[in-house]
Amino acid sequence: MYQHILLAVDGSEHSKRAASHAIQLAKLIADANVEIISVLNLSKVKAEVLHSELKQKRQQGLAEIENVFKQEGVTYTLTIERGEPGPTIVSYANKHAVDIVIIGSRGLNSLQEMVLGSVSHKVAKRVHCPVMIIK
């Protein structure tokens, strides 16, 4: 049913919770393939120093998520893309015949979500497969 699981992460605590759910789902399905996608949005970073700090923080969070997959014995692949997170995740999922997308929610209140929009909401609206949003 969910052979190709796409886990969208950014290294945050929300994405770590989503990773835990992806692992649980993958363990239930024989030969499930978990693909972890992380999208770097470097267009908003103007200083090279900030770019370096952002990249280092992201890598540390991804390393923690990868370690959990290794400890649990769940195979995965890691894909790093560049662009705006919402549209990039949607485009990737729709092009690669993903069966389900698992993504964390930042927990924005309704006003913040209306003004800012959330990545998870953008993905859920536009992707052509089921989406599991983890709070």
N, C-alpha and C. Protein backbone atom coordinates (compact mmCIF):
# COMPACT_ATOMS: atom_id res chain seq x y z
N MET A 1 0.82 -1.19 0.00
CA MET A 1 0.00 0.00 0.00
C MET A 1 0.87 1.27 0.00
N TYR A 2 1.69 1.43 1.01
CA TYR A 2 2.58 2.59 1.08
C TYR A 2 4.02 2.12 0.92
N GLN A 3 4.36 1.67 -0.28
CA GLN A 3 5.71 1.17 -0.55
C GLN A 3 6.73 2.29 -0.60
N HIS A 4 6.37 3.43 -1.20
CA HIS A 4 7.30 4.55 -1.36
C HIS A 4 6.86 5.68 -0.44
N ILE A 5 7.54 5.80 0.70
CA ILE A 5 7.21 6.80 1.71
C ILE A 5 8.18 7.96 1.57
N LEU A 6 7.65 9.17 1.41
CA LEU A 6 8.49 10.36 1.35
C LEU A 6 8.36 11.10 2.68
N LEU A 7 9.47 11.23 3.37
CA LEU A 7 9.52 11.94 4.65
C LEU A 7 10.19 13.28 4.42
N ALA A 8 9.45 14.37 4.61
CA ALA A 8 9.99 15.71 4.43
C ALA A 8 10.50 16.22 5.78
N VAL A 9 11.78 16.58 5.83
CA VAL A 9 12.38 17.01 7.10
C VAL A 9 13.19 18.28 6.92
N ASP A 10 13.32 19.01 8.02
CA ASP A 10 14.19 20.18 8.04
C ASP A 10 15.13 20.17 9.23
N GLY A 11 15.16 19.06 9.96
CA GLY A 11 16.03 18.95 11.12
C GLY A 11 15.42 19.45 12.42
N SER A 12 14.20 19.99 12.35
CA SER A 12 13.54 20.52 13.54
C SER A 12 12.95 19.40 14.40
N GLU A 13 12.50 19.75 15.59
CA GLU A 13 11.85 18.78 16.46
C GLU A 13 10.59 18.22 15.81
N HIS A 14 9.89 19.04 15.04
CA HIS A 14 8.67 18.60 14.36
C HIS A 14 9.00 17.52 13.32
N SER A 15 10.10 17.72 12.61
CA SER A 15 10.46 16.71 11.60
C SER A 15 11.00 15.45 12.25
N LYS A 16 11.58 15.57 13.44
CA LYS A 16 12.04 14.37 14.16
C LYS A 16 10.84 13.52 14.60
N ARG A 17 9.76 14.19 15.01
CA ARG A 17 8.54 13.44 15.35
C ARG A 17 7.96 12.77 14.11
N ALA A 18 7.99 13.48 12.98
CA ALA A 18 7.51 12.90 11.72
C ALA A 18 8.36 11.69 11.33
N ALA A 19 9.66 11.78 11.55
CA ALA A 19 10.56 10.66 11.24
C ALA A 19 10.19 9.43 12.05
N SER A 20 9.84 9.63 13.30
CA SER A 20 9.43 8.51 14.16
C SER A 20 8.21 7.80 13.59
N HIS A 21 7.25 8.56 13.09
CA HIS A 21 6.05 7.97 12.49
C HIS A 21 6.37 7.27 11.17
N ALA A 22 7.29 7.83 10.39
CA ALA A 22 7.69 7.19 9.13
C ALA A 22 8.35 5.85 9.41
N ILE A 23 9.15 5.79 10.45
CA ILE A 23 9.81 4.54 10.84
C ILE A 23 8.77 3.50 11.25
N GLN A 24 7.81 3.93 12.06
CA GLN A 24 6.75 3.00 12.51
C GLN A 24 5.98 2.45 11.31
N LEU A 25 5.64 3.31 10.37
CA LEU A 25 4.89 2.88 9.18
C LEU A 25 5.74 1.93 8.33
N ALA A 26 6.99 2.28 8.12
CA ALA A 26 7.87 1.45 7.29
C ALA A 26 8.06 0.06 7.88
N LYS A 27 8.08 -0.04 9.20
CA LYS A 27 8.26 -1.34 9.85
C LYS A 27 7.03 -2.24 9.66
N LEU A 28 5.89 -1.65 9.38
CA LEU A 28 4.66 -2.42 9.17
C LEU A 28 4.53 -2.97 7.75
N ILE A 29 5.31 -2.43 6.83
CA ILE A 29 5.16 -2.76 5.42
C ILE A 29 6.44 -3.42 4.90
N ALA A 30 6.30 -4.64 4.42
CA ALA A 30 7.47 -5.34 3.86
C ALA A 30 8.00 -4.58 2.64
N ASP A 31 9.28 -4.44 2.56
CA ASP A 31 9.96 -3.80 1.43
C ASP A 31 9.57 -2.33 1.22
N ALA A 32 9.16 -1.66 2.30
CA ALA A 32 8.86 -0.23 2.18
C ALA A 32 10.15 0.54 1.94
N ASN A 33 10.06 1.55 1.11
CA ASN A 33 11.21 2.40 0.80
C ASN A 33 10.93 3.78 1.37
N VAL A 34 11.75 4.21 2.34
CA VAL A 34 11.59 5.54 2.90
C VAL A 34 12.62 6.45 2.25
N GLU A 35 12.12 7.51 1.67
CA GLU A 35 13.00 8.52 1.09
C GLU A 35 12.86 9.79 1.92
N ILE A 36 13.97 10.24 2.45
CA ILE A 36 13.98 11.46 3.26
C ILE A 36 14.36 12.60 2.33
N ILE A 37 13.52 13.64 2.31
CA ILE A 37 13.84 14.82 1.49
C ILE A 37 13.99 16.03 2.42
N SER A 38 15.02 16.79 2.17
CA SER A 38 15.25 18.03 2.88
C SER A 38 15.46 19.11 1.84
N VAL A 39 14.78 20.22 2.00
CA VAL A 39 14.85 21.29 1.01
C VAL A 39 15.54 22.50 1.64
N LEU A 40 16.62 22.92 1.00
CA LEU A 40 17.35 24.10 1.45
C LEU A 40 16.83 25.32 0.70
N ASN A 41 16.32 26.28 1.45
CA ASN A 41 15.84 27.52 0.86
C ASN A 41 16.88 28.59 1.16
N LEU A 42 17.85 28.72 0.27
CA LEU A 42 18.95 29.64 0.50
C LEU A 42 18.69 31.03 -0.08
N SER A 43 17.56 31.23 -0.73
CA SER A 43 17.29 32.52 -1.36
C SER A 43 17.11 33.64 -0.34
N LYS A 44 16.72 33.29 0.88
CA LYS A 44 16.49 34.31 1.91
C LYS A 44 17.74 34.63 2.71
N VAL A 45 18.78 33.85 2.51
CA VAL A 45 20.01 34.06 3.26
C VAL A 45 20.92 34.97 2.47
N LYS A 46 21.28 36.13 3.07
CA LYS A 46 22.06 37.11 2.32
C LYS A 46 23.54 37.07 2.66
N ALA A 47 23.87 36.69 3.87
CA ALA A 47 25.27 36.69 4.27
C ALA A 47 25.83 35.27 4.25
N GLU A 48 27.04 35.13 3.78
CA GLU A 48 27.68 33.81 3.69
C GLU A 48 27.79 33.16 5.07
N VAL A 49 27.99 33.97 6.11
CA VAL A 49 28.11 33.44 7.47
C VAL A 49 26.79 32.79 7.88
N LEU A 50 25.67 33.45 7.61
CA LEU A 50 24.37 32.88 7.95
C LEU A 50 24.13 31.61 7.15
N HIS A 51 24.54 31.61 5.89
CA HIS A 51 24.39 30.42 5.04
C HIS A 51 25.12 29.24 5.68
N SER A 52 26.32 29.46 6.14
CA SER A 52 27.12 28.41 6.76
C SER A 52 26.47 27.90 8.05
N GLU A 53 25.98 28.82 8.88
CA GLU A 53 25.33 28.42 10.14
C GLU A 53 24.04 27.65 9.87
N LEU A 54 23.27 28.09 8.90
CA LEU A 54 22.03 27.41 8.53
C LEU A 54 22.33 25.99 8.05
N LYS A 55 23.33 25.87 7.20
CA LYS A 55 23.70 24.57 6.66
C LYS A 55 24.18 23.63 7.77
N GLN A 56 24.98 24.16 8.70
CA GLN A 56 25.49 23.33 9.80
C GLN A 56 24.36 22.86 10.71
N LYS A 57 23.44 23.74 11.04
CA LYS A 57 22.30 23.37 11.89
C LYS A 57 21.43 22.31 11.21
N ARG A 58 21.20 22.49 9.91
CA ARG A 58 20.40 21.54 9.15
C ARG A 58 21.08 20.17 9.12
N GLN A 59 22.40 20.17 8.88
CA GLN A 59 23.13 18.90 8.82
C GLN A 59 23.10 18.17 10.15
N GLN A 60 23.18 18.90 11.24
CA GLN A 60 23.13 18.28 12.57
C GLN A 60 21.76 17.62 12.79
N GLY A 61 20.69 18.32 12.44
CA GLY A 61 19.35 17.76 12.58
C GLY A 61 19.14 16.55 11.70
N LEU A 62 19.64 16.61 10.47
CA LEU A 62 19.52 15.47 9.56
C LEU A 62 20.31 14.27 10.07
N ALA A 63 21.48 14.53 10.62
CA ALA A 63 22.31 13.44 11.16
C ALA A 63 21.57 12.72 12.30
N GLU A 64 20.89 13.48 13.14
CA GLU A 64 20.11 12.88 14.23
C GLU A 64 19.00 11.99 13.67
N ILE A 65 18.31 12.46 12.65
CA ILE A 65 17.23 11.69 12.04
C ILE A 65 17.80 10.43 11.39
N GLU A 66 18.90 10.57 10.67
CA GLU A 66 19.52 9.40 10.04
C GLU A 66 19.95 8.37 11.08
N ASN A 67 20.48 8.84 12.21
CA ASN A 67 20.89 7.91 13.27
C ASN A 67 19.72 7.10 13.80
N VAL A 68 18.56 7.71 13.93
CA VAL A 68 17.38 7.00 14.40
C VAL A 68 16.99 5.91 13.40
N PHE A 69 17.04 6.23 12.12
CA PHE A 69 16.73 5.23 11.08
C PHE A 69 17.70 4.06 11.17
N LYS A 70 18.98 4.37 11.35
CA LYS A 70 20.00 3.32 11.45
C LYS A 70 19.78 2.45 12.70
N GLN A 71 19.50 3.10 13.83
CA GLN A 71 19.27 2.36 15.08
C GLN A 71 18.06 1.45 14.97
N GLU A 72 17.04 1.90 14.26
CA GLU A 72 15.81 1.11 14.11
C GLU A 72 15.91 0.08 12.99
N GLY A 73 16.99 0.13 12.23
CA GLY A 73 17.18 -0.84 11.14
C GLY A 73 16.27 -0.61 9.95
N VAL A 74 15.85 0.62 9.74
CA VAL A 74 14.97 0.95 8.62
C VAL A 74 15.83 1.58 7.51
N THR A 75 15.79 0.98 6.33
CA THR A 75 16.57 1.51 5.21
C THR A 75 15.92 2.79 4.68
N TYR A 76 16.75 3.66 4.18
CA TYR A 76 16.28 4.95 3.69
C TYR A 76 17.26 5.48 2.66
N THR A 77 16.80 6.47 1.90
CA THR A 77 17.69 7.25 1.06
C THR A 77 17.48 8.71 1.43
N LEU A 78 18.49 9.51 1.24
CA LEU A 78 18.41 10.93 1.58
C LEU A 78 18.58 11.75 0.31
N THR A 79 17.65 12.67 0.10
CA THR A 79 17.69 13.56 -1.05
C THR A 79 17.69 15.00 -0.55
N ILE A 80 18.62 15.79 -1.04
CA ILE A 80 18.69 17.21 -0.69
C ILE A 80 18.32 17.99 -1.94
N GLU A 81 17.33 18.86 -1.81
CA GLU A 81 16.90 19.71 -2.92
C GLU A 81 17.06 21.17 -2.50
N ARG A 82 17.11 22.04 -3.48
CA ARG A 82 17.17 23.49 -3.22
C ARG A 82 15.92 24.13 -3.78
N GLY A 83 15.41 25.11 -3.05
CA GLY A 83 14.23 25.82 -3.51
C GLY A 83 13.34 26.18 -2.34
N GLU A 84 12.14 26.60 -2.66
CA GLU A 84 11.15 26.90 -1.63
C GLU A 84 10.55 25.57 -1.17
N PRO A 85 10.53 25.31 0.14
CA PRO A 85 10.16 23.98 0.63
C PRO A 85 8.83 23.43 0.12
N GLY A 86 7.74 24.16 0.27
CA GLY A 86 6.42 23.64 -0.13
C GLY A 86 6.37 23.18 -1.58
N PRO A 87 6.59 24.09 -2.52
CA PRO A 87 6.52 23.71 -3.93
C PRO A 87 7.54 22.65 -4.33
N THR A 88 8.71 22.68 -3.73
CA THR A 88 9.75 21.71 -4.07
C THR A 88 9.35 20.31 -3.63
N ILE A 89 8.80 20.19 -2.43
CA ILE A 89 8.34 18.89 -1.94
C ILE A 89 7.20 18.37 -2.81
N VAL A 90 6.26 19.23 -3.14
CA VAL A 90 5.12 18.85 -3.98
C VAL A 90 5.61 18.36 -5.34
N SER A 91 6.47 19.12 -5.96
CA SER A 91 6.99 18.75 -7.28
C SER A 91 7.72 17.42 -7.22
N TYR A 92 8.55 17.23 -6.22
CA TYR A 92 9.32 15.99 -6.09
C TYR A 92 8.38 14.80 -5.88
N ALA A 93 7.42 14.95 -4.98
CA ALA A 93 6.49 13.85 -4.69
C ALA A 93 5.67 13.48 -5.92
N ASN A 94 5.20 14.47 -6.64
CA ASN A 94 4.37 14.20 -7.82
C ASN A 94 5.17 13.59 -8.97
N LYS A 95 6.45 13.90 -9.07
CA LYS A 95 7.28 13.36 -10.14
C LYS A 95 7.80 11.96 -9.85
N HIS A 96 7.85 11.56 -8.59
CA HIS A 96 8.49 10.30 -8.22
C HIS A 96 7.51 9.23 -7.71
N ALA A 97 6.27 9.32 -8.06
CA ALA A 97 5.28 8.28 -7.73
C ALA A 97 5.33 7.87 -6.25
N VAL A 98 5.28 8.86 -5.40
CA VAL A 98 5.29 8.63 -3.96
C VAL A 98 3.90 8.15 -3.53
N ASP A 99 3.86 7.19 -2.60
CA ASP A 99 2.58 6.67 -2.12
C ASP A 99 2.01 7.48 -0.96
N ILE A 100 2.89 8.08 -0.14
CA ILE A 100 2.46 8.91 0.99
C ILE A 100 3.58 9.87 1.35
N VAL A 101 3.20 11.07 1.74
CA VAL A 101 4.16 12.06 2.24
C VAL A 101 3.91 12.21 3.73
N ILE A 102 4.98 12.15 4.51
CA ILE A 102 4.89 12.39 5.95
C ILE A 102 5.68 13.64 6.24
N ILE A 103 5.04 14.58 6.93
CA ILE A 103 5.66 15.89 7.18
C ILE A 103 5.22 16.39 8.56
N GLY A 104 6.11 17.09 9.23
CA GLY A 104 5.79 17.66 10.53
C GLY A 104 5.08 18.99 10.38
N SER A 105 4.32 19.34 11.41
CA SER A 105 3.62 20.62 11.44
C SER A 105 4.26 21.49 12.51
N ARG A 106 4.47 22.74 12.19
CA ARG A 106 5.07 23.66 13.17
C ARG A 106 4.06 24.08 14.22
N GLY A 107 2.80 23.84 13.98
CA GLY A 107 1.80 24.22 14.96
C GLY A 107 1.45 25.70 14.94
N LEU A 108 1.38 26.28 13.76
CA LEU A 108 0.98 27.68 13.65
C LEU A 108 -0.47 27.85 14.07
N ASN A 109 -0.79 28.99 14.69
CA ASN A 109 -2.20 29.24 14.96
C ASN A 109 -2.87 29.68 13.67
N SER A 110 -4.19 29.79 13.68
CA SER A 110 -4.92 30.04 12.43
C SER A 110 -4.54 31.38 11.80
N LEU A 111 -4.26 32.40 12.59
CA LEU A 111 -3.87 33.70 12.03
C LEU A 111 -2.49 33.60 11.36
N GLN A 112 -1.54 32.96 12.04
CA GLN A 112 -0.21 32.79 11.46
C GLN A 112 -0.28 32.00 10.17
N GLU A 113 -1.07 30.94 10.18
CA GLU A 113 -1.18 30.11 8.98
C GLU A 113 -1.82 30.88 7.84
N MET A 114 -2.82 31.72 8.15
CA MET A 114 -3.48 32.51 7.12
C MET A 114 -2.51 33.52 6.51
N VAL A 115 -1.71 34.16 7.35
CA VAL A 115 -0.78 35.19 6.87
C VAL A 115 0.45 34.57 6.23
N LEU A 116 1.06 33.60 6.90
CA LEU A 116 2.33 33.03 6.45
C LEU A 116 2.14 31.83 5.52
N GLY A 117 1.12 31.05 5.78
CA GLY A 117 0.98 29.77 5.10
C GLY A 117 1.93 28.79 5.74
N SER A 118 1.61 27.53 5.70
CA SER A 118 2.51 26.54 6.28
C SER A 118 2.94 25.59 5.18
N VAL A 119 4.15 25.07 5.33
CA VAL A 119 4.67 24.14 4.34
C VAL A 119 3.78 22.90 4.29
N SER A 120 3.40 22.38 5.46
CA SER A 120 2.57 21.17 5.48
C SER A 120 1.23 21.40 4.80
N HIS A 121 0.64 22.57 4.99
CA HIS A 121 -0.64 22.88 4.35
C HIS A 121 -0.48 22.98 2.83
N LYS A 122 0.60 23.61 2.38
CA LYS A 122 0.85 23.73 0.94
C LYS A 122 1.04 22.35 0.32
N VAL A 123 1.77 21.49 1.02
CA VAL A 123 2.00 20.13 0.50
C VAL A 123 0.68 19.37 0.44
N ALA A 124 -0.09 19.41 1.52
CA ALA A 124 -1.35 18.66 1.58
C ALA A 124 -2.32 19.10 0.48
N LYS A 125 -2.31 20.38 0.15
CA LYS A 125 -3.22 20.90 -0.87
C LYS A 125 -2.86 20.47 -2.29
N ARG A 126 -1.56 20.30 -2.56
CA ARG A 126 -1.13 20.16 -3.95
C ARG A 126 -0.54 18.82 -4.35
N VAL A 127 -0.20 17.99 -3.40
CA VAL A 127 0.43 16.73 -3.75
C VAL A 127 -0.64 15.72 -4.17
N HIS A 128 -0.29 14.79 -5.05
CA HIS A 128 -1.26 13.84 -5.61
C HIS A 128 -1.30 12.50 -4.88
N CYS A 129 -1.01 12.51 -3.59
CA CYS A 129 -1.06 11.28 -2.80
C CYS A 129 -1.48 11.66 -1.38
N PRO A 130 -1.75 10.67 -0.54
CA PRO A 130 -2.09 11.00 0.85
C PRO A 130 -0.95 11.68 1.56
N VAL A 131 -1.29 12.54 2.53
CA VAL A 131 -0.31 13.25 3.32
C VAL A 131 -0.62 13.02 4.80
N MET A 132 0.40 12.65 5.55
CA MET A 132 0.26 12.49 6.99
C MET A 132 1.01 13.65 7.65
N ILE A 133 0.25 14.54 8.32
CA ILE A 133 0.84 15.69 8.99
C ILE A 133 0.95 15.35 10.47
N ILE A 134 2.18 15.41 11.00
CA ILE A 134 2.44 15.06 12.39
C ILE A 134 2.55 16.34 13.21
N LYS A 135 1.74 16.42 14.26
CA LYS A 135 1.79 17.58 15.17
C LYS A 135 2.68 17.26 16.35
